């Protein structure tokens, strides 16, 4: 039996170690690399010659969704399984657009996770059915990539001048993007637009 070489990317060490231990009990899965940051995923994948990357969404350095897109571009043969605590429909849509082969919530049993790893290697896609239904009902994000970027930068309380400097835009352009995003979200202000977009998994 050939072993499946797996990379585990999860910033919470207790969760990562528990997942590694549980998956390590599977007879055909070997966790060969573990990282705590999204921006360490690609280098670790290259170094350890992995078959499957198991990525959390919320990580420092780079989100799991961004890491999935980077992996898909650089190492297209690697299968990508995204796991998240947050079962948000927008996350599912963005993960799939980034090239993920599977999307599961973290409270799925380890046996289900192991089965998903085997299925993606066999060329299947695995999506949590409840999330799939919610994503269809929710529809696509109305925000453009730039509007998302401006909102994400505004989320930490940055001023228009700070957002403009961080994204190399003029303050007027930042104001336009923010007002468009607020309008599309039918929000009262930028803070509410950020909160609503986050709840939907669009940021």
N, C-alpha and C. Protein backbone atom coordinates (compact mmCIF):
# COMPACT_ATOMS: atom_id res chain seq x y z
N UNK A 1 0.85 -1.20 0.00
CA UNK A 1 0.00 0.00 0.00
C UNK A 1 0.88 1.25 0.00
N UNK A 2 0.66 2.14 -0.98
CA UNK A 2 1.48 3.35 -1.01
C UNK A 2 0.90 4.38 -0.02
N UNK A 3 1.80 5.04 0.69
CA UNK A 3 1.38 6.01 1.71
C UNK A 3 1.03 7.36 1.07
N UNK A 4 0.01 7.98 1.59
CA UNK A 4 -0.39 9.32 1.15
C UNK A 4 0.40 10.31 2.01
N UNK A 5 1.20 11.15 1.35
CA UNK A 5 2.02 12.13 2.07
C UNK A 5 1.23 13.43 2.24
N UNK A 6 1.02 13.82 3.50
CA UNK A 6 0.09 14.91 3.80
C UNK A 6 0.79 16.06 4.52
N UNK A 7 0.45 17.28 4.11
CA UNK A 7 0.90 18.50 4.80
C UNK A 7 -0.28 19.07 5.58
N UNK A 8 -0.03 19.44 6.82
CA UNK A 8 -1.07 19.98 7.70
C UNK A 8 -0.73 21.44 8.01
N UNK A 9 -1.62 22.36 7.63
CA UNK A 9 -1.41 23.78 7.91
C UNK A 9 -2.52 24.28 8.83
N UNK A 10 -2.16 24.60 10.07
CA UNK A 10 -3.14 25.00 11.09
C UNK A 10 -2.38 25.81 12.14
N UNK A 11 -2.88 27.02 12.46
CA UNK A 11 -2.10 27.88 13.36
C UNK A 11 -2.26 27.52 14.84
N UNK A 12 -3.31 26.83 15.21
CA UNK A 12 -3.48 26.44 16.62
C UNK A 12 -2.77 25.11 16.86
N UNK A 13 -1.70 25.15 17.65
CA UNK A 13 -0.85 23.96 17.78
C UNK A 13 -1.59 22.75 18.36
N UNK A 14 -2.50 22.98 19.31
CA UNK A 14 -3.24 21.84 19.90
C UNK A 14 -4.11 21.15 18.85
N UNK A 15 -4.79 21.96 18.04
CA UNK A 15 -5.66 21.42 16.99
C UNK A 15 -4.80 20.70 15.95
N UNK A 16 -3.68 21.33 15.57
CA UNK A 16 -2.79 20.74 14.56
C UNK A 16 -2.25 19.38 15.02
N UNK A 17 -1.79 19.35 16.28
CA UNK A 17 -1.21 18.10 16.80
C UNK A 17 -2.27 17.01 16.93
N UNK A 18 -3.48 17.42 17.33
CA UNK A 18 -4.57 16.44 17.45
C UNK A 18 -4.93 15.86 16.08
N UNK A 19 -5.03 16.74 15.08
CA UNK A 19 -5.33 16.30 13.72
C UNK A 19 -4.24 15.37 13.19
N UNK A 20 -2.97 15.76 13.45
CA UNK A 20 -1.84 14.95 12.98
C UNK A 20 -1.88 13.56 13.62
N UNK A 21 -2.19 13.52 14.92
CA UNK A 21 -2.24 12.24 15.64
C UNK A 21 -3.37 11.37 15.11
N UNK A 22 -4.54 11.97 14.90
CA UNK A 22 -5.70 11.21 14.42
C UNK A 22 -5.47 10.69 12.99
N UNK A 23 -4.97 11.56 12.13
CA UNK A 23 -4.74 11.14 10.74
C UNK A 23 -3.59 10.14 10.66
N UNK A 24 -2.63 10.27 11.59
CA UNK A 24 -1.50 9.34 11.63
C UNK A 24 -1.91 7.92 11.99
N UNK A 25 -3.10 7.77 12.58
CA UNK A 25 -3.61 6.43 12.91
C UNK A 25 -4.12 5.69 11.68
N UNK A 26 -4.37 6.45 10.61
CA UNK A 26 -4.86 5.82 9.38
C UNK A 26 -3.71 5.02 8.74
N UNK A 27 -3.98 3.81 8.26
CA UNK A 27 -2.90 2.95 7.76
C UNK A 27 -2.20 3.46 6.50
N UNK A 28 -2.89 4.34 5.74
CA UNK A 28 -2.32 4.77 4.46
C UNK A 28 -2.00 6.26 4.41
N UNK A 29 -2.04 6.95 5.56
CA UNK A 29 -1.77 8.39 5.57
C UNK A 29 -0.59 8.69 6.49
N UNK A 30 0.35 9.48 5.97
CA UNK A 30 1.50 9.89 6.78
C UNK A 30 1.58 11.42 6.75
N UNK A 31 1.51 12.05 7.93
CA UNK A 31 1.65 13.51 8.02
C UNK A 31 3.15 13.81 7.99
N UNK A 32 3.64 14.30 6.84
CA UNK A 32 5.08 14.50 6.67
C UNK A 32 5.53 15.93 6.95
N UNK A 33 4.58 16.87 7.05
CA UNK A 33 4.94 18.27 7.31
C UNK A 33 3.80 18.97 8.04
N UNK A 34 4.18 19.86 8.95
CA UNK A 34 3.20 20.67 9.67
C UNK A 34 3.69 22.12 9.68
N UNK A 35 2.79 23.05 9.36
CA UNK A 35 3.14 24.48 9.43
C UNK A 35 2.02 25.22 10.16
N UNK A 36 2.38 26.39 10.72
CA UNK A 36 1.42 27.17 11.49
C UNK A 36 1.02 28.46 10.77
N UNK A 37 1.62 28.69 9.60
CA UNK A 37 1.35 29.92 8.86
C UNK A 37 1.02 29.61 7.39
N UNK A 38 0.11 30.41 6.84
CA UNK A 38 -0.26 30.22 5.44
C UNK A 38 0.88 30.48 4.47
N UNK A 39 1.77 31.43 4.84
CA UNK A 39 2.86 31.75 3.91
C UNK A 39 4.02 30.76 3.98
N UNK A 40 3.87 29.70 4.79
CA UNK A 40 4.89 28.64 4.85
C UNK A 40 4.48 27.39 4.08
N UNK A 41 3.25 27.40 3.57
CA UNK A 41 2.68 26.20 2.94
C UNK A 41 3.44 25.78 1.69
N UNK A 42 3.66 26.70 0.78
CA UNK A 42 4.28 26.34 -0.51
C UNK A 42 5.69 25.77 -0.33
N UNK A 43 6.50 26.44 0.50
CA UNK A 43 7.88 25.97 0.72
C UNK A 43 7.88 24.58 1.34
N UNK A 44 6.99 24.35 2.30
CA UNK A 44 6.92 23.03 2.96
C UNK A 44 6.43 21.96 1.97
N UNK A 45 5.49 22.33 1.11
CA UNK A 45 4.97 21.38 0.11
C UNK A 45 6.08 20.97 -0.85
N UNK A 46 6.88 21.94 -1.26
CA UNK A 46 8.01 21.66 -2.17
C UNK A 46 9.05 20.79 -1.49
N UNK A 47 9.36 21.12 -0.23
CA UNK A 47 10.43 20.43 0.49
C UNK A 47 10.09 18.96 0.77
N UNK A 48 8.81 18.69 1.07
CA UNK A 48 8.45 17.34 1.53
C UNK A 48 7.78 16.48 0.47
N UNK A 49 7.57 17.02 -0.73
CA UNK A 49 7.00 16.23 -1.81
C UNK A 49 5.66 15.61 -1.44
N UNK A 50 4.71 16.47 -1.09
CA UNK A 50 3.42 15.98 -0.56
C UNK A 50 2.43 15.62 -1.68
N UNK A 51 1.43 14.84 -1.29
CA UNK A 51 0.33 14.49 -2.20
C UNK A 51 -0.89 15.36 -1.94
N UNK A 52 -1.12 15.64 -0.64
CA UNK A 52 -2.33 16.38 -0.23
C UNK A 52 -1.96 17.44 0.79
N UNK A 53 -2.54 18.65 0.64
CA UNK A 53 -2.38 19.71 1.63
C UNK A 53 -3.71 19.91 2.35
N UNK A 54 -3.68 19.86 3.66
CA UNK A 54 -4.87 20.09 4.49
C UNK A 54 -4.72 21.47 5.09
N UNK A 55 -5.53 22.43 4.67
CA UNK A 55 -5.34 23.84 5.02
C UNK A 55 -6.48 24.40 5.85
N UNK A 56 -6.12 25.03 6.98
CA UNK A 56 -7.10 25.80 7.74
C UNK A 56 -7.29 27.14 7.00
N UNK A 57 -8.40 27.82 7.21
CA UNK A 57 -8.60 29.11 6.53
C UNK A 57 -7.92 30.25 7.28
N UNK A 58 -8.23 30.36 8.58
CA UNK A 58 -7.72 31.49 9.36
C UNK A 58 -6.30 31.20 9.84
N UNK A 59 -5.30 31.77 9.15
CA UNK A 59 -3.90 31.60 9.56
C UNK A 59 -3.16 32.91 9.39
N UNK A 60 -2.11 33.14 10.19
CA UNK A 60 -1.29 34.34 9.98
C UNK A 60 -0.46 34.21 8.70
N UNK A 61 -0.02 35.36 8.19
CA UNK A 61 0.84 35.36 7.00
C UNK A 61 0.07 35.30 5.70
N UNK A 62 -0.91 34.40 5.64
CA UNK A 62 -1.72 34.19 4.43
C UNK A 62 -2.87 33.28 4.82
N UNK A 63 -4.05 33.54 4.30
CA UNK A 63 -5.17 32.66 4.63
C UNK A 63 -5.01 31.32 3.90
N UNK A 64 -5.74 30.32 4.35
CA UNK A 64 -5.72 29.03 3.68
C UNK A 64 -6.21 29.13 2.25
N UNK A 65 -7.14 30.05 2.01
CA UNK A 65 -7.67 30.23 0.65
C UNK A 65 -6.59 30.81 -0.27
N UNK A 66 -5.82 31.78 0.25
CA UNK A 66 -4.72 32.36 -0.53
C UNK A 66 -3.61 31.33 -0.75
N UNK A 67 -3.34 30.53 0.30
CA UNK A 67 -2.32 29.48 0.19
C UNK A 67 -2.74 28.43 -0.83
N UNK A 68 -4.05 28.13 -0.88
CA UNK A 68 -4.58 27.16 -1.85
C UNK A 68 -4.34 27.66 -3.27
N UNK A 69 -4.60 28.95 -3.49
CA UNK A 69 -4.40 29.53 -4.83
C UNK A 69 -2.93 29.49 -5.22
N UNK A 70 -2.05 29.77 -4.26
CA UNK A 70 -0.60 29.75 -4.53
C UNK A 70 -0.13 28.33 -4.86
N UNK A 71 -0.62 27.35 -4.09
CA UNK A 71 -0.29 25.95 -4.34
C UNK A 71 -0.77 25.50 -5.71
N UNK A 72 -2.00 25.88 -6.04
CA UNK A 72 -2.60 25.46 -7.31
C UNK A 72 -1.79 25.98 -8.49
N UNK A 73 -1.28 27.22 -8.36
CA UNK A 73 -0.46 27.80 -9.44
C UNK A 73 0.90 27.11 -9.54
N UNK A 74 1.55 26.91 -8.39
CA UNK A 74 2.94 26.43 -8.38
C UNK A 74 3.05 24.91 -8.50
N UNK A 75 2.15 24.19 -7.84
CA UNK A 75 2.20 22.71 -7.81
C UNK A 75 0.82 22.15 -8.12
N UNK A 76 0.40 22.23 -9.37
CA UNK A 76 -0.99 21.89 -9.73
C UNK A 76 -1.41 20.45 -9.45
N UNK A 77 -0.45 19.53 -9.28
CA UNK A 77 -0.82 18.13 -9.04
C UNK A 77 -1.20 17.84 -7.60
N UNK A 78 -0.86 18.74 -6.70
CA UNK A 78 -1.18 18.51 -5.27
C UNK A 78 -2.68 18.72 -5.05
N UNK A 79 -3.27 17.82 -4.29
CA UNK A 79 -4.69 17.93 -3.95
C UNK A 79 -4.83 18.80 -2.70
N UNK A 80 -5.88 19.60 -2.66
CA UNK A 80 -6.05 20.57 -1.57
C UNK A 80 -7.38 20.35 -0.85
N UNK A 81 -7.28 20.15 0.46
CA UNK A 81 -8.47 20.01 1.31
C UNK A 81 -8.49 21.20 2.26
N UNK A 82 -9.54 22.01 2.21
CA UNK A 82 -9.66 23.16 3.10
C UNK A 82 -10.60 22.79 4.24
N UNK A 83 -10.14 23.02 5.48
CA UNK A 83 -11.00 22.77 6.65
C UNK A 83 -11.15 24.08 7.41
N UNK A 84 -12.31 24.29 7.98
CA UNK A 84 -12.54 25.55 8.69
C UNK A 84 -13.49 25.36 9.86
N UNK A 85 -13.31 26.20 10.87
CA UNK A 85 -14.24 26.25 12.00
C UNK A 85 -15.49 26.98 11.55
N UNK A 86 -15.28 27.91 10.60
CA UNK A 86 -16.37 28.79 10.19
C UNK A 86 -17.06 28.26 8.94
N UNK A 87 -18.23 27.71 9.10
CA UNK A 87 -18.96 27.17 7.96
C UNK A 87 -19.68 28.26 7.20
N UNK A 88 -18.92 29.17 6.58
CA UNK A 88 -19.54 30.29 5.88
C UNK A 88 -19.59 30.01 4.39
N UNK A 89 -20.76 30.20 3.80
CA UNK A 89 -20.91 29.89 2.37
C UNK A 89 -19.92 30.62 1.48
N UNK A 90 -19.62 31.89 1.81
CA UNK A 90 -18.67 32.65 0.99
C UNK A 90 -17.28 32.04 0.99
N UNK A 91 -16.90 31.44 2.14
CA UNK A 91 -15.61 30.77 2.22
C UNK A 91 -15.57 29.59 1.25
N UNK A 92 -16.65 28.84 1.22
CA UNK A 92 -16.71 27.67 0.33
C UNK A 92 -16.52 28.10 -1.12
N UNK A 93 -17.26 29.10 -1.52
CA UNK A 93 -17.18 29.58 -2.90
C UNK A 93 -15.75 30.05 -3.23
N UNK A 94 -15.16 30.82 -2.32
CA UNK A 94 -13.80 31.34 -2.57
C UNK A 94 -12.76 30.23 -2.55
N UNK A 95 -12.94 29.24 -1.67
CA UNK A 95 -12.00 28.11 -1.61
C UNK A 95 -12.02 27.34 -2.93
N UNK A 96 -13.21 27.11 -3.46
CA UNK A 96 -13.33 26.37 -4.72
C UNK A 96 -12.75 27.18 -5.88
N UNK A 97 -12.97 28.49 -5.85
CA UNK A 97 -12.40 29.35 -6.91
C UNK A 97 -10.87 29.36 -6.84
N UNK A 98 -10.33 29.12 -5.62
CA UNK A 98 -8.88 29.12 -5.44
C UNK A 98 -8.25 27.78 -5.81
N UNK A 99 -9.08 26.79 -6.11
CA UNK A 99 -8.55 25.51 -6.56
C UNK A 99 -8.62 24.39 -5.54
N UNK A 100 -9.38 24.59 -4.44
CA UNK A 100 -9.51 23.52 -3.45
C UNK A 100 -10.30 22.34 -4.04
N UNK A 101 -9.93 21.13 -3.63
CA UNK A 101 -10.63 19.93 -4.09
C UNK A 101 -11.67 19.47 -3.09
N UNK A 102 -11.54 19.93 -1.84
CA UNK A 102 -12.49 19.54 -0.80
C UNK A 102 -12.63 20.69 0.19
N UNK A 103 -13.82 20.78 0.79
CA UNK A 103 -14.09 21.82 1.79
C UNK A 103 -14.93 21.20 2.90
N UNK A 104 -14.35 21.15 4.11
CA UNK A 104 -15.04 20.51 5.24
C UNK A 104 -14.96 21.39 6.47
N UNK A 105 -15.93 21.24 7.37
CA UNK A 105 -15.85 21.94 8.65
C UNK A 105 -15.06 21.07 9.62
N UNK A 106 -14.37 21.75 10.56
CA UNK A 106 -13.45 21.06 11.46
C UNK A 106 -14.11 20.05 12.38
N UNK A 107 -15.39 20.22 12.66
CA UNK A 107 -16.00 19.27 13.60
C UNK A 107 -16.41 17.95 12.92
N UNK A 108 -16.03 17.80 11.65
CA UNK A 108 -16.25 16.50 10.99
C UNK A 108 -15.34 15.47 11.65
N UNK A 109 -15.80 14.21 11.80
CA UNK A 109 -14.95 13.19 12.42
C UNK A 109 -13.70 12.92 11.58
N UNK A 110 -12.63 12.46 12.26
CA UNK A 110 -11.35 12.21 11.58
C UNK A 110 -11.51 11.20 10.44
N UNK A 111 -12.40 10.23 10.63
CA UNK A 111 -12.61 9.22 9.58
C UNK A 111 -13.15 9.87 8.30
N UNK A 112 -13.99 10.90 8.47
CA UNK A 112 -14.56 11.62 7.32
C UNK A 112 -13.46 12.43 6.61
N UNK A 113 -12.55 13.00 7.42
CA UNK A 113 -11.44 13.76 6.88
C UNK A 113 -10.51 12.84 6.09
N UNK A 114 -10.21 11.68 6.66
CA UNK A 114 -9.34 10.70 5.98
C UNK A 114 -10.00 10.22 4.69
N UNK A 115 -11.32 10.00 4.74
CA UNK A 115 -12.04 9.57 3.53
C UNK A 115 -11.97 10.64 2.46
N UNK A 116 -12.06 11.92 2.88
CA UNK A 116 -11.99 13.03 1.93
C UNK A 116 -10.61 13.08 1.26
N UNK A 117 -9.57 12.83 2.05
CA UNK A 117 -8.19 12.81 1.52
C UNK A 117 -8.08 11.74 0.43
N UNK A 118 -8.62 10.57 0.70
CA UNK A 118 -8.56 9.47 -0.29
C UNK A 118 -9.38 9.81 -1.54
N UNK A 119 -10.54 10.41 -1.31
CA UNK A 119 -11.43 10.73 -2.45
C UNK A 119 -10.80 11.77 -3.38
N UNK A 120 -10.17 12.81 -2.81
CA UNK A 120 -9.58 13.83 -3.69
C UNK A 120 -8.42 13.25 -4.50
N UNK A 121 -7.70 12.30 -3.90
CA UNK A 121 -6.61 11.64 -4.64
C UNK A 121 -7.16 10.78 -5.77
N UNK A 122 -8.39 10.33 -5.60
CA UNK A 122 -9.04 9.53 -6.65
C UNK A 122 -9.72 10.42 -7.70
N UNK A 123 -9.55 11.75 -7.53
CA UNK A 123 -10.09 12.68 -8.52
C UNK A 123 -11.48 13.21 -8.20
N UNK A 124 -11.99 12.92 -6.99
CA UNK A 124 -13.32 13.41 -6.62
C UNK A 124 -13.23 14.76 -5.92
N UNK A 125 -14.37 15.44 -5.88
CA UNK A 125 -14.49 16.67 -5.08
C UNK A 125 -15.35 16.34 -3.87
N UNK A 126 -14.97 16.89 -2.72
CA UNK A 126 -15.73 16.60 -1.50
C UNK A 126 -16.13 17.93 -0.86
N UNK A 127 -17.43 18.13 -0.71
CA UNK A 127 -17.93 19.38 -0.13
C UNK A 127 -18.96 19.05 0.94
N UNK A 128 -18.82 19.70 2.09
CA UNK A 128 -19.80 19.54 3.16
C UNK A 128 -21.19 19.88 2.58
N UNK A 129 -22.14 18.92 2.60
CA UNK A 129 -23.42 19.13 1.92
C UNK A 129 -24.24 20.30 2.47
N UNK A 130 -24.18 20.52 3.79
CA UNK A 130 -24.94 21.65 4.38
C UNK A 130 -24.40 22.96 3.87
N UNK A 131 -23.07 23.05 3.78
CA UNK A 131 -22.45 24.28 3.29
C UNK A 131 -22.73 24.49 1.81
N UNK A 132 -22.72 23.41 1.06
CA UNK A 132 -22.99 23.51 -0.39
C UNK A 132 -24.38 24.10 -0.62
N UNK A 133 -25.35 23.63 0.15
CA UNK A 133 -26.73 24.13 0.01
C UNK A 133 -26.80 25.61 0.40
N UNK A 134 -26.11 25.96 1.49
CA UNK A 134 -26.10 27.36 1.95
C UNK A 134 -25.44 28.28 0.93
N UNK A 135 -24.35 27.79 0.32
CA UNK A 135 -23.63 28.61 -0.67
C UNK A 135 -24.50 28.88 -1.90
N UNK A 136 -25.26 27.86 -2.30
CA UNK A 136 -26.16 28.04 -3.45
C UNK A 136 -27.25 29.06 -3.13
N UNK A 137 -27.76 28.98 -1.90
CA UNK A 137 -28.83 29.89 -1.48
C UNK A 137 -28.31 31.33 -1.35
N UNK A 138 -27.06 31.45 -0.91
CA UNK A 138 -26.46 32.76 -0.64
C UNK A 138 -26.13 33.51 -1.92
N UNK A 139 -25.69 32.80 -2.94
CA UNK A 139 -25.28 33.45 -4.19
C UNK A 139 -23.85 33.96 -4.08
N UNK A 140 -23.36 34.50 -5.16
CA UNK A 140 -21.97 34.96 -5.22
C UNK A 140 -21.80 36.29 -4.51
N UNK A 141 -20.58 36.58 -4.09
CA UNK A 141 -20.28 37.87 -3.46
C UNK A 141 -20.43 38.99 -4.50
N UNK A 142 -21.10 40.09 -4.11
CA UNK A 142 -21.24 41.20 -5.06
C UNK A 142 -19.98 42.07 -5.11
N UNK A 143 -19.02 41.82 -4.20
CA UNK A 143 -17.84 42.66 -4.10
C UNK A 143 -16.79 42.27 -5.13
N UNK A 144 -16.14 43.28 -5.70
CA UNK A 144 -15.02 43.01 -6.59
C UNK A 144 -13.79 42.68 -5.72
N UNK A 145 -12.74 42.17 -6.36
CA UNK A 145 -11.52 41.83 -5.62
C UNK A 145 -10.94 43.07 -4.94
N UNK A 146 -10.98 44.21 -5.62
CA UNK A 146 -10.45 45.46 -5.05
C UNK A 146 -11.29 45.94 -3.86
N UNK A 147 -12.61 45.84 -4.01
CA UNK A 147 -13.50 46.26 -2.90
C UNK A 147 -13.25 45.39 -1.67
N UNK A 148 -13.05 44.09 -1.91
CA UNK A 148 -12.75 43.17 -0.79
C UNK A 148 -11.45 43.57 -0.10
N UNK A 149 -10.45 43.88 -0.94
CA UNK A 149 -9.13 44.24 -0.42
C UNK A 149 -9.21 45.52 0.43
N UNK A 150 -9.94 46.52 -0.06
CA UNK A 150 -10.09 47.78 0.66
C UNK A 150 -10.85 47.55 1.97
N UNK A 151 -11.92 46.78 1.91
CA UNK A 151 -12.70 46.48 3.12
C UNK A 151 -11.85 45.71 4.14
N UNK A 152 -11.06 44.74 3.65
CA UNK A 152 -10.22 43.94 4.54
C UNK A 152 -9.20 44.82 5.25
N UNK A 153 -8.65 45.79 4.51
CA UNK A 153 -7.67 46.71 5.09
C UNK A 153 -8.36 47.66 6.08
N UNK A 154 -9.59 48.02 5.78
CA UNK A 154 -10.35 48.92 6.67
C UNK A 154 -10.79 48.20 7.95
N UNK A 155 -10.80 46.88 7.92
CA UNK A 155 -11.33 46.09 9.04
C UNK A 155 -10.59 46.35 10.34
N UNK A 156 -9.30 46.69 10.25
CA UNK A 156 -8.51 46.93 11.47
C UNK A 156 -8.58 48.38 11.93
N UNK A 157 -9.52 49.13 11.37
CA UNK A 157 -9.70 50.52 11.80
C UNK A 157 -8.79 51.51 11.10
N UNK A 158 -8.20 51.11 9.97
CA UNK A 158 -7.29 52.01 9.23
C UNK A 158 -8.07 53.19 8.65
N UNK A 159 -7.42 54.35 8.60
CA UNK A 159 -8.04 55.53 7.98
C UNK A 159 -7.93 55.39 6.46
N UNK A 160 -8.66 56.27 5.75
CA UNK A 160 -8.57 56.25 4.28
C UNK A 160 -7.14 56.47 3.81
N UNK A 161 -6.43 57.36 4.51
CA UNK A 161 -5.03 57.66 4.13
C UNK A 161 -4.15 56.42 4.32
N UNK A 162 -4.38 55.69 5.43
CA UNK A 162 -3.59 54.48 5.70
C UNK A 162 -3.91 53.37 4.69
N UNK A 163 -5.20 53.25 4.34
CA UNK A 163 -5.60 52.24 3.34
C UNK A 163 -4.96 52.59 2.00
N UNK A 164 -5.01 53.87 1.64
CA UNK A 164 -4.44 54.34 0.36
C UNK A 164 -2.95 54.02 0.30
N UNK A 165 -2.24 54.28 1.41
CA UNK A 165 -0.79 54.03 1.44
C UNK A 165 -0.51 52.53 1.35
N UNK A 166 -1.29 51.72 2.07
CA UNK A 166 -1.06 50.28 2.10
C UNK A 166 -1.31 49.64 0.74
N UNK A 167 -2.31 50.14 0.02
CA UNK A 167 -2.71 49.51 -1.25
C UNK A 167 -2.23 50.29 -2.49
N UNK A 168 -1.45 51.36 -2.25
CA UNK A 168 -0.91 52.18 -3.35
C UNK A 168 -2.04 52.75 -4.23
N UNK A 169 -3.04 53.30 -3.54
CA UNK A 169 -4.16 53.94 -4.23
C UNK A 169 -4.27 55.38 -3.76
N UNK A 170 -5.04 56.18 -4.49
CA UNK A 170 -5.30 57.55 -4.00
C UNK A 170 -6.43 57.48 -2.97
N UNK A 171 -6.50 58.50 -2.10
CA UNK A 171 -7.56 58.50 -1.08
C UNK A 171 -8.95 58.56 -1.71
N UNK A 172 -9.04 59.29 -2.83
CA UNK A 172 -10.33 59.38 -3.53
C UNK A 172 -10.79 58.02 -4.04
N UNK A 173 -9.83 57.24 -4.57
CA UNK A 173 -10.16 55.89 -5.06
C UNK A 173 -10.60 55.00 -3.90
N UNK A 174 -9.91 55.12 -2.76
CA UNK A 174 -10.28 54.34 -1.57
C UNK A 174 -11.71 54.69 -1.16
N UNK A 175 -12.02 55.99 -1.13
CA UNK A 175 -13.38 56.43 -0.76
C UNK A 175 -14.42 55.83 -1.70
N UNK A 176 -14.10 55.83 -3.01
CA UNK A 176 -15.03 55.27 -3.99
C UNK A 176 -15.28 53.77 -3.76
N UNK A 177 -14.17 53.03 -3.55
CA UNK A 177 -14.31 51.59 -3.30
C UNK A 177 -15.12 51.32 -2.04
N UNK A 178 -14.85 52.09 -0.98
CA UNK A 178 -15.57 51.89 0.28
C UNK A 178 -17.06 52.20 0.11
N UNK A 179 -17.36 53.30 -0.57
CA UNK A 179 -18.78 53.66 -0.72
C UNK A 179 -19.52 52.65 -1.60
N UNK A 180 -18.83 52.12 -2.62
CA UNK A 180 -19.44 51.07 -3.45
C UNK A 180 -19.72 49.81 -2.63
N UNK A 181 -18.73 49.43 -1.82
CA UNK A 181 -18.88 48.22 -0.99
C UNK A 181 -20.03 48.41 0.01
N UNK A 182 -20.08 49.57 0.65
CA UNK A 182 -21.14 49.85 1.63
C UNK A 182 -22.51 49.80 0.94
N UNK A 183 -22.57 50.38 -0.26
CA UNK A 183 -23.82 50.40 -1.02
C UNK A 183 -24.26 48.98 -1.39
N UNK A 184 -23.31 48.18 -1.90
CA UNK A 184 -23.63 46.80 -2.31
C UNK A 184 -24.08 45.94 -1.14
N UNK A 185 -23.50 46.21 0.04
CA UNK A 185 -23.85 45.42 1.22
C UNK A 185 -25.11 45.95 1.90
N UNK A 186 -25.62 47.08 1.40
CA UNK A 186 -26.76 47.76 2.03
C UNK A 186 -26.46 48.00 3.51
N UNK A 187 -25.22 48.44 3.76
CA UNK A 187 -24.77 48.70 5.13
C UNK A 187 -24.85 50.20 5.42
N UNK A 188 -24.85 50.53 6.72
CA UNK A 188 -24.93 51.95 7.10
C UNK A 188 -23.56 52.63 7.07
N UNK A 189 -22.52 51.86 7.31
CA UNK A 189 -21.17 52.43 7.35
C UNK A 189 -20.15 51.34 7.06
N UNK A 190 -18.88 51.72 7.06
CA UNK A 190 -17.83 50.75 6.70
C UNK A 190 -17.72 49.62 7.73
N UNK A 191 -17.90 49.97 9.03
CA UNK A 191 -17.79 48.94 10.08
C UNK A 191 -18.86 47.87 9.89
N UNK A 192 -20.08 48.30 9.54
CA UNK A 192 -21.16 47.34 9.33
C UNK A 192 -20.91 46.53 8.05
N UNK A 193 -20.37 47.18 7.02
CA UNK A 193 -20.05 46.47 5.77
C UNK A 193 -19.00 45.39 6.03
N UNK A 194 -17.99 45.71 6.83
CA UNK A 194 -16.94 44.74 7.18
C UNK A 194 -17.55 43.57 7.93
N UNK A 195 -18.38 43.88 8.94
CA UNK A 195 -19.00 42.82 9.75
C UNK A 195 -19.86 41.90 8.89
N UNK A 196 -20.69 42.49 8.03
CA UNK A 196 -21.59 41.69 7.18
C UNK A 196 -20.79 40.81 6.19
N UNK A 197 -19.75 41.41 5.60
CA UNK A 197 -18.94 40.67 4.63
C UNK A 197 -18.22 39.52 5.32
N UNK A 198 -17.75 39.75 6.55
CA UNK A 198 -17.07 38.70 7.30
C UNK A 198 -18.03 37.55 7.63
N UNK A 199 -19.23 37.91 8.06
CA UNK A 199 -20.22 36.89 8.43
C UNK A 199 -20.56 35.99 7.23
N UNK A 200 -20.54 36.57 6.05
CA UNK A 200 -20.86 35.81 4.85
C UNK A 200 -19.65 35.07 4.27
N UNK A 201 -18.46 35.35 4.86
CA UNK A 201 -17.24 34.70 4.36
C UNK A 201 -16.72 35.32 3.08
N UNK A 202 -17.07 36.58 2.84
CA UNK A 202 -16.65 37.26 1.61
C UNK A 202 -15.32 37.99 1.76
N UNK A 203 -14.84 38.14 2.99
CA UNK A 203 -13.55 38.83 3.20
C UNK A 203 -12.44 37.83 3.39
